[in-house]
Amino acid sequence: MLGLNLRPYSLGHELWLIREQNPLSVAFGAEGIQALINGLPAAALFCSQSFDQIGGMNRDWFIGFKLWLWKLRLRKFKLGVELASFIEYRNRGTLMLPDEPDTTKQGRPFGAPVLLSLFQFIRRETRTDAEAWDYPYGLAQMRYAAWLESEGQMKIKNAYEMEHDRSFAEWEKQNPQSTLKEATDA
């Protein structure tokens, strides 16, 4: 992407996008396509490095020169195409298991941001903070969801439920005039 090899999308990449208020972060919605294109070079630069490497850019004496050279190379890229590729990369890197709300439990939703909850969960199994920040985002979400389900805090849809949802959606498309509603377990 933009001449860089991207690493698997990680918790740290999301953190840096949020920290820098990059419009390609979920936390900061873009004002339009131009805002997304303007944020693309920084997002690609972050996602091409590990957590420690991103933090180390401030200590690189030649970073200004390196970024100037890279900016010259950016002219040859079709930024709209690169943006679509980055969005696909990020979407695939943040996939999670399909879930449904657990209506049997009452109480308030978690207060901590999801990113911090994922980090705390993964950090328990790593030697350093940097290892946890470099952990693939989508995999962290899936492992955290599986753990929440084992604790009775979440319900992950199984293959039967997914097929049921797909079949029902297909039936609704074929029968748009129907007033029949799906029965739910109450």
Protein backbone atom coordinates (compact mmCIF):
# COMPACT_ATOMS: atom_id res chain seq x y z
CA MET A 1 0.00 0.00 0.00
CA LEU A 2 1.55 3.26 -1.14
CA GLY A 3 4.78 1.31 -1.62
CA LEU A 4 4.77 -0.08 1.93
CA ASN A 5 4.26 -3.64 3.16
CA LEU A 6 1.48 -3.57 5.74
CA ARG A 7 1.63 -5.76 8.82
CA PRO A 8 -1.48 -7.55 10.11
CA TYR A 9 -3.85 -4.88 11.46
CA SER A 10 -3.17 -4.74 15.19
CA LEU A 11 -4.46 -3.22 18.39
CA GLY A 12 -1.53 -0.78 18.27
CA HIS A 13 -2.38 0.34 14.75
CA GLU A 14 -5.89 1.23 15.90
CA LEU A 15 -4.46 3.01 18.96
CA TRP A 16 -2.13 5.15 16.81
CA LEU A 17 -4.92 6.02 14.37
CA ILE A 18 -7.09 7.13 17.31
CA ARG A 19 -4.20 8.95 19.00
CA GLU A 20 -3.45 10.93 15.85
CA GLN A 21 -7.17 11.49 15.16
CA ASN A 22 -6.77 9.92 11.76
CA PRO A 23 -10.06 9.93 9.80
CA LEU A 24 -9.49 6.25 8.90
CA SER A 25 -9.96 5.29 12.56
CA VAL A 26 -13.43 4.16 13.59
CA ALA A 27 -13.33 6.67 16.45
CA PHE A 28 -13.01 9.65 14.11
CA GLY A 29 -15.52 9.69 11.25
CA ALA A 30 -14.32 11.43 8.14
CA GLU A 31 -15.90 14.58 6.79
CA GLY A 32 -15.70 13.15 3.29
CA ILE A 33 -13.58 11.27 0.79
CA GLN A 34 -10.88 13.97 0.73
CA ALA A 35 -10.41 13.68 4.50
CA LEU A 36 -9.95 9.92 4.12
CA ILE A 37 -7.44 10.38 1.29
CA ASN A 38 -5.53 12.95 3.37
CA GLY A 39 -5.32 10.51 6.27
CA LEU A 40 -4.22 7.56 4.12
CA PRO A 41 -0.43 8.15 4.07
CA ALA A 42 -0.18 8.35 7.87
CA ALA A 43 -2.45 5.32 8.30
CA ALA A 44 -0.38 3.26 5.84
CA LEU A 45 2.85 4.37 7.54
CA PHE A 46 1.54 3.30 10.97
CA CYS A 47 0.25 -0.03 9.66
CA SER A 48 3.58 -0.88 8.05
CA GLN A 49 5.37 -0.86 11.42
CA SER A 50 5.28 -2.53 14.81
CA PHE A 51 4.16 -0.61 17.89
CA ASP A 52 7.75 0.04 18.99
CA GLN A 53 8.79 1.14 15.48
CA ILE A 54 5.97 3.70 15.33
CA GLY A 55 7.02 5.15 18.67
CA GLY A 56 10.66 5.16 17.55
CA MET A 57 9.99 7.45 14.59
CA ASN A 58 10.33 10.44 16.91
CA ARG A 59 13.93 9.42 17.66
CA ASP A 60 14.91 8.99 13.98
CA TRP A 61 17.10 11.93 12.98
CA PHE A 62 16.38 11.35 9.30
CA ILE A 63 12.61 10.93 9.53
CA GLY A 64 11.89 14.31 7.94
CA PHE A 65 14.05 13.50 4.93
CA LYS A 66 12.62 9.97 4.62
CA LEU A 67 9.05 11.29 4.71
CA TRP A 68 9.89 13.97 2.14
CA LEU A 69 11.25 11.32 -0.25
CA TRP A 70 8.22 9.11 0.33
CA LYS A 71 5.89 12.07 -0.33
CA LEU A 72 7.53 12.49 -3.74
CA ARG A 73 6.88 8.78 -4.49
CA LEU A 74 3.22 9.11 -3.46
CA ARG A 75 2.47 11.11 -6.62
CA LYS A 76 2.57 7.94 -8.75
CA PHE A 77 -0.21 6.20 -6.80
CA LYS A 78 -3.94 6.40 -7.50
CA LEU A 79 -5.04 7.45 -4.05
CA GLY A 80 -8.69 6.46 -4.56
CA VAL A 81 -7.67 2.89 -5.39
CA GLU A 82 -5.19 2.80 -2.50
CA LEU A 83 -7.87 4.13 -0.14
CA ALA A 84 -10.29 1.36 -1.14
CA SER A 85 -7.52 -1.19 -0.56
CA PHE A 86 -6.75 0.26 2.88
CA ILE A 87 -10.40 0.20 3.92
CA GLU A 88 -10.64 -3.44 2.83
CA TYR A 89 -7.41 -4.22 4.73
CA ARG A 90 -8.76 -2.59 7.88
CA ASN A 91 -12.19 -4.21 7.58
CA ARG A 92 -10.65 -7.65 7.17
CA GLY A 93 -8.27 -6.98 10.05
CA THR A 94 -11.11 -6.12 12.43
CA LEU A 95 -13.51 -8.98 11.64
CA MET A 96 -15.24 -10.48 14.63
CA LEU A 97 -17.53 -13.36 15.42
CA PRO A 98 -21.25 -12.66 14.89
CA ASP A 99 -22.99 -12.18 18.20
CA GLU A 100 -26.38 -11.45 19.57
CA PRO A 101 -27.33 -9.56 22.68
CA ASP A 102 -27.77 -11.64 25.81
CA THR A 103 -31.26 -10.63 26.94
CA THR A 104 -31.10 -12.84 30.03
CA LYS A 105 -28.59 -10.52 31.72
CA GLN A 106 -29.57 -7.12 32.99
CA GLY A 107 -27.12 -4.35 33.69
CA ARG A 108 -25.17 -1.66 31.99
CA PRO A 109 -22.77 -2.15 29.08
CA PHE A 110 -19.04 -2.10 29.73
CA GLY A 111 -17.61 1.35 30.42
CA ALA A 112 -14.07 0.87 29.10
CA PRO A 113 -13.42 1.43 25.39
CA VAL A 114 -13.40 -1.84 23.44
CA LEU A 115 -9.79 -1.29 22.36
CA LEU A 116 -8.63 -1.03 25.98
CA SER A 117 -10.65 -4.11 26.98
CA LEU A 118 -9.05 -6.07 24.14
CA PHE A 119 -5.59 -4.86 25.14
CA GLN A 120 -6.12 -5.80 28.80
CA PHE A 121 -7.39 -9.25 27.81
CA ILE A 122 -4.44 -9.95 25.47
CA ARG A 123 -1.88 -8.37 27.82
CA ARG A 124 -2.50 -11.14 30.35
CA GLU A 125 -0.86 -13.59 27.93
CA THR A 126 2.06 -11.51 26.64
CA ARG A 127 5.44 -10.61 28.10
CA THR A 128 5.34 -6.91 27.20
CA ASP A 129 2.84 -4.17 26.40
CA ALA A 130 4.33 -3.88 22.90
CA GLU A 131 3.58 -7.56 22.22
CA ALA A 132 -0.05 -6.97 23.19
CA TRP A 133 -0.30 -3.84 21.03
CA ASP A 134 1.14 -5.79 18.07
CA TYR A 135 -1.50 -8.52 18.49
CA PRO A 136 -3.86 -8.85 15.46
CA TYR A 137 -7.02 -6.85 16.15
CA GLY A 138 -9.54 -9.28 14.66
CA LEU A 139 -8.04 -12.27 16.46
CA ALA A 140 -8.10 -10.34 19.74
CA GLN A 141 -11.80 -9.59 19.22
CA MET A 142 -12.57 -13.24 18.50
CA ARG A 143 -10.62 -14.55 21.50
CA TYR A 144 -12.19 -11.95 23.78
CA ALA A 145 -15.69 -12.79 22.49
CA ALA A 146 -15.09 -16.52 23.04
CA TRP A 147 -13.95 -15.78 26.60
CA LEU A 148 -16.97 -13.52 27.23
CA GLU A 149 -19.25 -16.29 25.98
CA SER A 150 -17.58 -18.79 28.34
CA GLU A 151 -18.26 -16.31 31.16
CA GLY A 152 -21.93 -15.98 30.16
CA GLN A 153 -21.52 -12.34 29.08
CA MET A 154 -22.09 -12.80 25.34
CA LYS A 155 -23.73 -15.18 22.89
CA ILE A 156 -21.85 -16.00 19.70
CA LYS A 157 -24.02 -17.23 16.85
CA ASN A 158 -23.36 -20.80 15.76
CA ALA A 159 -23.58 -22.17 12.20
CA TYR A 160 -27.26 -23.12 12.60
CA GLU A 161 -28.19 -19.60 13.75
CA MET A 162 -26.20 -18.01 10.93
CA GLU A 163 -27.94 -20.23 8.34
CA HIS A 164 -31.31 -19.37 9.88
CA ASP A 165 -30.57 -15.63 9.64
CA ARG A 166 -29.40 -15.99 6.03
CA SER A 167 -32.48 -18.02 5.05
CA PHE A 168 -34.85 -15.61 6.77
CA ALA A 169 -33.23 -12.59 5.08
CA GLU A 170 -33.52 -14.35 1.71
CA TRP A 171 -37.19 -15.16 2.37
CA GLU A 172 -37.88 -11.53 3.34
CA LYS A 173 -36.34 -10.36 0.04
CA GLN A 174 -38.58 -12.72 -1.90
CA ASN A 175 -41.68 -11.72 0.10
CA PRO A 176 -41.41 -7.96 0.70
CA GLN A 177 -45.19 -7.55 1.08
CA SER A 178 -45.41 -10.04 3.97
CA THR A 179 -46.32 -8.80 7.41
CA LEU A 180 -45.01 -11.98 9.02
CA LYS A 181 -42.41 -11.23 11.64
CA GLU A 182 -39.70 -13.53 12.96
CA ALA A 183 -40.53 -15.08 16.32
CA THR A 184 -37.92 -14.51 18.99
CA ASP A 185 -37.33 -16.33 22.24
CA ALA A 186 -38.75 -14.08 24.92
